[in-house]
Each structure stands twice: as C-alpha cells, then as structure tokens.
C-alpha cells in the first residue's frame, strides 16, 4: 500500500504527527522535520487499527480513532520516547547542555540514534570539544555539522600550536635560503674531498 496521509496535528512543543489511513500508522516528526517515531499499524491486535480515520493529542499521548471498530486507541510515550521527546524540546530551545543526559539516555536505548548523536555533537561544539563533536557527527552521518566541527577544530589546533608551527616555518625558510646560497659550494666541496680520498 502507498502512503495516504489523512490527518495531521501539531502539539504545543512543535512536534507534528501524521496519520496514514492506508497503513493505519502514525508518523511523528520533530520541529526540524526529522522522523522520530512510527507506531500503530493495520491489524486486530492491541495497538493497531482496522481503519484509522483521525488523530488527536492529549498532552504527550496520541489518540487514534478507528471508524471500523468504533474505538479509540491511546498511545503513550515509553521511557525511550520520553527521553527523546524531552531532549528534542531542550535542544530546540538551545539548551544543549541540559539535553546532554537525555541524549545519553536515548543512546542507552538505541545506540544508533542519529538525532541523539547530533544532539551530543552540538553539546561538544558548545563546550569547544570539537574533536569529540566530529566523532558524534560522524556516527550520525551528518556531513554539514562534521565539516563545521572540523573547521573549528583545525582553527583551534593552529591557534594552540602557532608558536612551534611558526618556528618550524622560519627554520625551513632559513634552510632554503642557506641551500640556495651555499648548497652548490658545499656539494662541490664534498665531491672534491671524496675524489681526493679515492685518489689517495
């Protein structure tokens, strides 16, 4: 079956939820359009519907109407879902460090959560731990943020090590100048000495 979204609702935190009437599934997205949850389905068992026709929100719960069974299914957040939800809300408010323990909680449930790795990457960016941020963005396959973190890391590395980098560059310049001025003479001297030793 193809997707056919028949209802949409946006909650107070900015999450928007779409109901797919063909699949009787619910798709929930965050404020940036990232898919975070998919639940429900076509069936007769608990947590599924035969013909989902409408959706509403009551706090952090989703209420789905089934027109065939004349029933309402109530979906609540699991511990994983609550950690994800709360972390995203703090993240969206720019409270990256406050969201850090929640992102770690999300990763405890799902070590492959790209959103959680991006969230932690943002935390490390805010605390100038750019190398750690790069690792998190790499886990999340987030090339844009990885590139930004890399540029900041490179800039920080140069600033911290500017003294010895400048010293090496000066030494190299001096060596090049000396070689251009005295290199040929030194090489000829060495060759003549070698020739003198071999002739003796």
C-alpha atoms as a PDB file:
ATOM      1  CA  UNK A   1       0.000   0.000   0.000  1.00  0.00           C
ATOM      2  CA  UNK A   2       1.081   3.559  -0.691  1.00  0.00           C
ATOM      3  CA  UNK A   3       1.118   6.219   1.988  1.00  0.00           C
ATOM      4  CA  UNK A   4      -2.001   8.375   2.177  1.00  0.00           C
ATOM      5  CA  UNK A   5      -1.903  10.892   4.982  1.00  0.00           C
ATOM      6  CA  UNK A   6      -5.397  11.857   6.076  1.00  0.00           C
ATOM      7  CA  UNK A   7      -4.858  13.842   9.269  1.00  0.00           C
ATOM      8  CA  UNK A   8      -2.179  15.982  10.882  1.00  0.00           C
ATOM      9  CA  UNK A   9      -1.821  17.607  14.270  1.00  0.00           C
ATOM     10  CA  UNK A  10       0.836  19.812  15.859  1.00  0.00           C
ATOM     11  CA  UNK A  11       1.292  19.707  19.631  1.00  0.00           C
ATOM     12  CA  UNK A  12       2.319  22.502  21.999  1.00  0.00           C
ATOM     13  CA  UNK A  13       6.015  21.558  21.755  1.00  0.00           C
ATOM     14  CA  UNK A  14       6.069  21.809  17.964  1.00  0.00           C
ATOM     15  CA  UNK A  15       6.029  18.084  17.148  1.00  0.00           C
ATOM     16  CA  UNK A  16       3.740  17.249  14.266  1.00  0.00           C
ATOM     17  CA  UNK A  17       2.021  13.908  13.840  1.00  0.00           C
ATOM     18  CA  UNK A  18       0.617  12.495  10.604  1.00  0.00           C
ATOM     19  CA  UNK A  19      -1.917   9.703  10.273  1.00  0.00           C
ATOM     20  CA  UNK A  20      -1.576   7.340   7.320  1.00  0.00           C
ATOM     21  CA  UNK A  21      -5.047   5.897   6.730  1.00  0.00           C
ATOM     22  CA  UNK A  22      -3.862   3.275   4.220  1.00  0.00           C
ATOM     23  CA  UNK A  23      -1.324   1.739   6.595  1.00  0.00           C
ATOM     24  CA  UNK A  24      -3.119   2.787   9.812  1.00  0.00           C
ATOM     25  CA  UNK A  25       0.258   4.027  11.010  1.00  0.00           C
ATOM     26  CA  UNK A  26       1.239   7.196  12.827  1.00  0.00           C
ATOM     27  CA  UNK A  27       4.367   9.113  11.838  1.00  0.00           C
ATOM     28  CA  UNK A  28       5.740  11.666  14.281  1.00  0.00           C
ATOM     29  CA  UNK A  29       8.289  14.344  13.337  1.00  0.00           C
ATOM     30  CA  UNK A  30      10.231  16.933  15.304  1.00  0.00           C
ATOM     31  CA  UNK A  31      10.311  20.675  14.580  1.00  0.00           C
ATOM     32  CA  UNK A  32      13.098  20.256  12.006  1.00  0.00           C
ATOM     33  CA  UNK A  33      11.221  17.574  10.078  1.00  0.00           C
ATOM     34  CA  UNK A  34      13.201  14.598  11.412  1.00  0.00           C
ATOM     35  CA  UNK A  35      11.178  11.395  11.690  1.00  0.00           C
ATOM     36  CA  UNK A  36      11.392  10.229  15.304  1.00  0.00           C
ATOM     37  CA  UNK A  37       8.560   7.710  15.841  1.00  0.00           C
ATOM     38  CA  UNK A  38       6.436   5.352  13.767  1.00  0.00           C
ATOM     39  CA  UNK A  39       3.756   3.347  15.532  1.00  0.00           C
ATOM     40  CA  UNK A  40       0.389   1.683  15.016  1.00  0.00           C
ATOM     41  CA  UNK A  41      -0.429  -0.483  12.022  1.00  0.00           C
ATOM     42  CA  UNK A  42      -3.195  -2.411  10.302  1.00  0.00           C
ATOM     43  CA  UNK A  43      -4.497  -5.286  12.410  1.00  0.00           C
ATOM     44  CA  UNK A  44      -6.774  -6.524  15.162  1.00  0.00           C
ATOM     45  CA  UNK A  45      -4.279  -6.816  17.993  1.00  0.00           C
ATOM     46  CA  UNK A  46      -3.726  -4.219  20.695  1.00  0.00           C
ATOM     47  CA  UNK A  47      -2.038  -1.093  19.330  1.00  0.00           C
ATOM     48  CA  UNK A  48      -3.329  -1.476  15.761  1.00  0.00           C
ATOM     49  CA  UNK A  49      -6.393  -0.316  13.833  1.00  0.00           C
ATOM     50  CA  UNK A  50      -8.526  -1.621  11.018  1.00  0.00           C
ATOM     51  CA  UNK A  51      -9.355   1.801   9.554  1.00  0.00           C
ATOM     52  CA  UNK A  52      -7.675   4.706  11.300  1.00  0.00           C
ATOM     53  CA  UNK A  53      -9.593   7.879  10.425  1.00  0.00           C
ATOM     54  CA  UNK A  54      -8.495  10.624  12.808  1.00  0.00           C
ATOM     55  CA  UNK A  55      -5.899  11.603  15.377  1.00  0.00           C
ATOM     56  CA  UNK A  56      -5.793  13.943  18.361  1.00  0.00           C
ATOM     57  CA  UNK A  57      -3.309  14.844  21.079  1.00  0.00           C
ATOM     58  CA  UNK A  58      -3.886  14.834  24.820  1.00  0.00           C
ATOM     59  CA  UNK A  59      -0.683  16.009  26.477  1.00  0.00           C
ATOM     60  CA  UNK A  60       2.050  13.700  25.238  1.00  0.00           C
ATOM     61  CA  UNK A  61      -0.468  10.981  24.290  1.00  0.00           C
ATOM     62  CA  UNK A  62      -1.810  10.276  20.800  1.00  0.00           C
ATOM     63  CA  UNK A  63      -5.452   9.281  20.375  1.00  0.00           C
ATOM     64  CA  UNK A  64      -6.320   7.452  17.153  1.00  0.00           C
ATOM     65  CA  UNK A  65      -9.909   6.862  16.036  1.00  0.00           C
ATOM     66  CA  UNK A  66     -10.789   3.600  14.271  1.00  0.00           C
ATOM     67  CA  UNK A  67     -14.002   4.056  12.247  1.00  0.00           C
ATOM     68  CA  UNK A  68     -14.417   0.340  11.590  1.00  0.00           C
ATOM     69  CA  UNK A  69     -14.050  -0.861  15.179  1.00  0.00           C
ATOM     70  CA  UNK A  70     -15.619   2.340  16.572  1.00  0.00           C
ATOM     71  CA  UNK A  71     -12.759   2.604  19.042  1.00  0.00           C
ATOM     72  CA  UNK A  72     -10.067   4.984  20.212  1.00  0.00           C
ATOM     73  CA  UNK A  73      -6.521   3.745  20.758  1.00  0.00           C
ATOM     74  CA  UNK A  74      -4.381   5.732  23.180  1.00  0.00           C
ATOM     75  CA  UNK A  75      -0.609   5.717  22.625  1.00  0.00           C
ATOM     76  CA  UNK A  76       1.678   6.939  25.420  1.00  0.00           C
ATOM     77  CA  UNK A  77       5.411   7.584  25.463  1.00  0.00           C
ATOM     78  CA  UNK A  78       7.780   4.864  26.629  1.00  0.00           C
ATOM     79  CA  UNK A  79      10.838   5.769  28.720  1.00  0.00           C
ATOM     80  CA  UNK A  80      12.795   5.900  25.475  1.00  0.00           C
ATOM     81  CA  UNK A  81      10.166   8.077  23.823  1.00  0.00           C
ATOM     82  CA  UNK A  82      10.008  10.465  26.785  1.00  0.00           C
ATOM     83  CA  UNK A  83      13.796  10.871  26.873  1.00  0.00           C
ATOM     84  CA  UNK A  84      13.792  11.537  23.122  1.00  0.00           C
ATOM     85  CA  UNK A  85      10.883  13.987  23.366  1.00  0.00           C
ATOM     86  CA  UNK A  86      12.344  15.948  26.292  1.00  0.00           C
ATOM     87  CA  UNK A  87      15.832  16.042  24.752  1.00  0.00           C
ATOM     88  CA  UNK A  88      14.470  17.422  21.476  1.00  0.00           C
ATOM     89  CA  UNK A  89      12.486  20.129  23.297  1.00  0.00           C
ATOM     90  CA  UNK A  90      15.601  21.290  25.204  1.00  0.00           C
ATOM     91  CA  UNK A  91      17.687  21.044  22.045  1.00  0.00           C
ATOM     92  CA  UNK A  92      15.178  23.165  20.118  1.00  0.00           C
ATOM     93  CA  UNK A  93      15.338  25.797  22.876  1.00  0.00           C
ATOM     94  CA  UNK A  94      19.133  25.920  22.541  1.00  0.00           C
ATOM     95  CA  UNK A  95      19.674  24.272  25.942  1.00  0.00           C
ATOM     96  CA  UNK A  96      22.195  21.806  24.561  1.00  0.00           C
ATOM     97  CA  UNK A  97      23.988  21.039  27.821  1.00  0.00           C
ATOM     98  CA  UNK A  98      20.710  20.479  29.676  1.00  0.00           C
ATOM     99  CA  UNK A  99      19.761  18.000  26.967  1.00  0.00           C
ATOM    100  CA  UNK A 100      23.057  16.058  27.235  1.00  0.00           C
ATOM    101  CA  UNK A 101      21.991  13.486  29.895  1.00  0.00           C
ATOM    102  CA  UNK A 102      18.764  12.880  27.992  1.00  0.00           C
ATOM    103  CA  UNK A 103      20.644  12.247  24.734  1.00  0.00           C
ATOM    104  CA  UNK A 104      22.795   9.741  26.608  1.00  0.00           C
ATOM    105  CA  UNK A 105      19.635   8.102  27.917  1.00  0.00           C
ATOM    106  CA  UNK A 106      18.306   7.857  24.353  1.00  0.00           C
ATOM    107  CA  UNK A 107      21.559   6.219  23.253  1.00  0.00           C
ATOM    108  CA  UNK A 108      21.263   3.739  26.106  1.00  0.00           C
ATOM    109  CA  UNK A 109      18.034   2.542  24.478  1.00  0.00           C
ATOM    110  CA  UNK A 110      19.202   2.981  20.883  1.00  0.00           C
ATOM    111  CA  UNK A 111      22.934   3.345  20.274  1.00  0.00           C
ATOM    112  CA  UNK A 112      22.314   4.155  16.587  1.00  0.00           C
ATOM    113  CA  UNK A 113      20.023   7.140  17.134  1.00  0.00           C
ATOM    114  CA  UNK A 114      21.288   9.764  14.688  1.00  0.00           C
ATOM    115  CA  UNK A 115      19.325  12.547  16.385  1.00  0.00           C
ATOM    116  CA  UNK A 116      20.958  11.749  19.737  1.00  0.00           C
ATOM    117  CA  UNK A 117      24.461  11.719  18.225  1.00  0.00           C
ATOM    118  CA  UNK A 118      23.785  15.083  16.566  1.00  0.00           C
ATOM    119  CA  UNK A 119      22.500  16.414  19.886  1.00  0.00           C
ATOM    120  CA  UNK A 120      25.668  15.326  21.687  1.00  0.00           C
ATOM    121  CA  UNK A 121      27.740  16.771  18.866  1.00  0.00           C
ATOM    122  CA  UNK A 122      26.045  20.123  19.459  1.00  0.00           C
ATOM    123  CA  UNK A 123      26.876  19.865  23.163  1.00  0.00           C
ATOM    124  CA  UNK A 124      30.560  19.298  22.377  1.00  0.00           C
ATOM    125  CA  UNK A 125      30.504  22.196  19.907  1.00  0.00           C
ATOM    126  CA  UNK A 126      29.190  24.497  22.638  1.00  0.00           C
ATOM    127  CA  UNK A 127      31.953  23.374  25.031  1.00  0.00           C
ATOM    128  CA  UNK A 128      34.662  23.720  22.339  1.00  0.00           C
ATOM    129  CA  UNK A 129      35.359  19.977  22.321  1.00  0.00           C
ATOM    130  CA  UNK A 130      35.439  19.916  18.549  1.00  0.00           C
ATOM    131  CA  UNK A 131      37.209  16.586  18.100  1.00  0.00           C
ATOM    132  CA  UNK A 132      34.507  14.829  20.157  1.00  0.00           C
ATOM    133  CA  UNK A 133      31.856  16.728  18.195  1.00  0.00           C
ATOM    134  CA  UNK A 134      33.369  15.406  14.967  1.00  0.00           C
ATOM    135  CA  UNK A 135      33.069  11.837  16.258  1.00  0.00           C
ATOM    136  CA  UNK A 136      29.381  12.280  17.114  1.00  0.00           C
ATOM    137  CA  UNK A 137      28.550  13.879  13.758  1.00  0.00           C
ATOM    138  CA  UNK A 138      30.410  11.069  12.009  1.00  0.00           C
ATOM    139  CA  UNK A 139      28.247   8.492  13.841  1.00  0.00           C
ATOM    140  CA  UNK A 140      25.177  10.409  12.659  1.00  0.00           C
ATOM    141  CA  UNK A 141      26.393  10.729   9.036  1.00  0.00           C
ATOM    142  CA  UNK A 142      25.917  14.493   9.408  1.00  0.00           C
ATOM    143  CA  UNK A 143      28.400  15.885   6.887  1.00  0.00           C
ATOM    144  CA  UNK A 144      27.368  19.514   7.315  1.00  0.00           C
ATOM    145  CA  UNK A 145      27.946  19.675  11.057  1.00  0.00           C
ATOM    146  CA  UNK A 146      31.029  17.450  10.746  1.00  0.00           C
ATOM    147  CA  UNK A 147      32.564  19.940   8.311  1.00  0.00           C
ATOM    148  CA  UNK A 148      31.805  22.842  10.671  1.00  0.00           C
ATOM    149  CA  UNK A 149      33.305  20.986  13.646  1.00  0.00           C
ATOM    150  CA  UNK A 150      36.398  20.087  11.608  1.00  0.00           C
ATOM    151  CA  UNK A 151      36.990  23.701  10.594  1.00  0.00           C
ATOM    152  CA  UNK A 152      36.688  24.830  14.218  1.00  0.00           C
ATOM    153  CA  UNK A 153      38.986  22.002  15.340  1.00  0.00           C
ATOM    154  CA  UNK A 154      41.597  22.957  12.727  1.00  0.00           C
ATOM    155  CA  UNK A 155      41.416  26.640  13.711  1.00  0.00           C
ATOM    156  CA  UNK A 156      41.750  25.772  17.411  1.00  0.00           C
ATOM    157  CA  UNK A 157      44.683  23.434  16.719  1.00  0.00           C
ATOM    158  CA  UNK A 158      46.548  26.114  14.765  1.00  0.00           C
ATOM    159  CA  UNK A 159      45.913  28.723  17.469  1.00  0.00           C
ATOM    160  CA  UNK A 160      47.134  26.413  20.221  1.00  0.00           C
ATOM    161  CA  UNK A 161      50.243  25.332  18.331  1.00  0.00           C
ATOM    162  CA  UNK A 162      51.031  28.523  16.453  1.00  0.00           C
ATOM    163  CA  UNK A 163      54.365  29.029  18.268  1.00  0.00           C
ATOM    164  CA  UNK A 164      56.098  25.840  17.201  1.00  0.00           C
ATOM    165  CA  UNK A 165      54.434  25.843  13.772  1.00  0.00           C
ATOM    166  CA  UNK A 166      55.833  29.344  13.162  1.00  0.00           C
ATOM    167  CA  UNK A 167      59.260  28.211  14.424  1.00  0.00           C
ATOM    168  CA  UNK A 168      59.316  25.262  12.011  1.00  0.00           C
ATOM    169  CA  UNK A 169      58.329  27.512   9.109  1.00  0.00           C
ATOM    170  CA  UNK A 170      61.104  30.015   9.965  1.00  0.00           C
ATOM    171  CA  UNK A 171      63.692  27.218  10.201  1.00  0.00           C
ATOM    172  CA  UNK A 172      62.549  25.824   6.838  1.00  0.00           C
ATOM    173  CA  UNK A 173      62.835  29.255   5.217  1.00  0.00           C
ATOM    174  CA  UNK A 174      66.368  29.699   6.642  1.00  0.00           C
ATOM    175  CA  UNK A 175      67.411  26.249   5.399  1.00  0.00           C
ATOM    176  CA  UNK A 176      66.062  27.005   1.909  1.00  0.00           C
ATOM    177  CA  UNK A 177      67.911  30.332   1.810  1.00  0.00           C
ATOM    178  CA  UNK A 178      71.155  28.714   3.002  1.00  0.00           C
ATOM    179  CA  UNK A 179      70.837  25.902   0.493  1.00  0.00           C
ATOM    180  CA  UNK A 180      70.296  28.306  -2.397  1.00  0.00           C
ATOM    181  CA  UNK A 181      73.283  30.390  -1.326  1.00  0.00           C
ATOM    182  CA  UNK A 182      75.788  27.746  -0.241  1.00  0.00           C
ATOM    183  CA  UNK A 183      74.303  24.435  -1.424  1.00  0.00           C
ATOM    184  CA  UNK A 184      76.280  24.078  -4.654  1.00  0.00           C
ATOM    185  CA  UNK A 185      79.557  25.076  -2.950  1.00  0.00           C
ATOM    186  CA  UNK A 186      79.017  22.553  -0.161  1.00  0.00           C
ATOM    187  CA  UNK A 187      78.176  19.779  -2.637  1.00  0.00           C
ATOM    188  CA  UNK A 188      81.269  20.554  -4.737  1.00  0.00           C
ATOM    189  CA  UNK A 189      83.458  20.554  -1.625  1.00  0.00           C
ATOM    190  CA  UNK A 190      82.103  17.168  -0.573  1.00  0.00           C
ATOM    191  CA  UNK A 191      82.632  15.740  -4.058  1.00  0.00           C
ATOM    192  CA  UNK A 192      86.202  17.066  -4.236  1.00  0.00           C
ATOM    193  CA  UNK A 193      87.036  15.606  -0.838  1.00  0.00           C
ATOM    194  CA  UNK A 194      85.609  12.239  -1.841  1.00  0.00           C
ATOM    195  CA  UNK A 195      87.621  12.404  -5.058  1.00  0.00           C
ATOM    196  CA  UNK A 196      90.798  13.235  -3.113  1.00  0.00           C
ATOM    197  CA  UNK A 197      90.303  10.298  -0.755  1.00  0.00           C
ATOM    198  CA  UNK A 198      89.697   7.852  -3.601  1.00  0.00           C
ATOM    199  CA  UNK A 199      92.778   9.053  -5.487  1.00  0.00           C
ATOM    200  CA  UNK A 200      94.986   8.668  -2.430  1.00  0.00           C
END
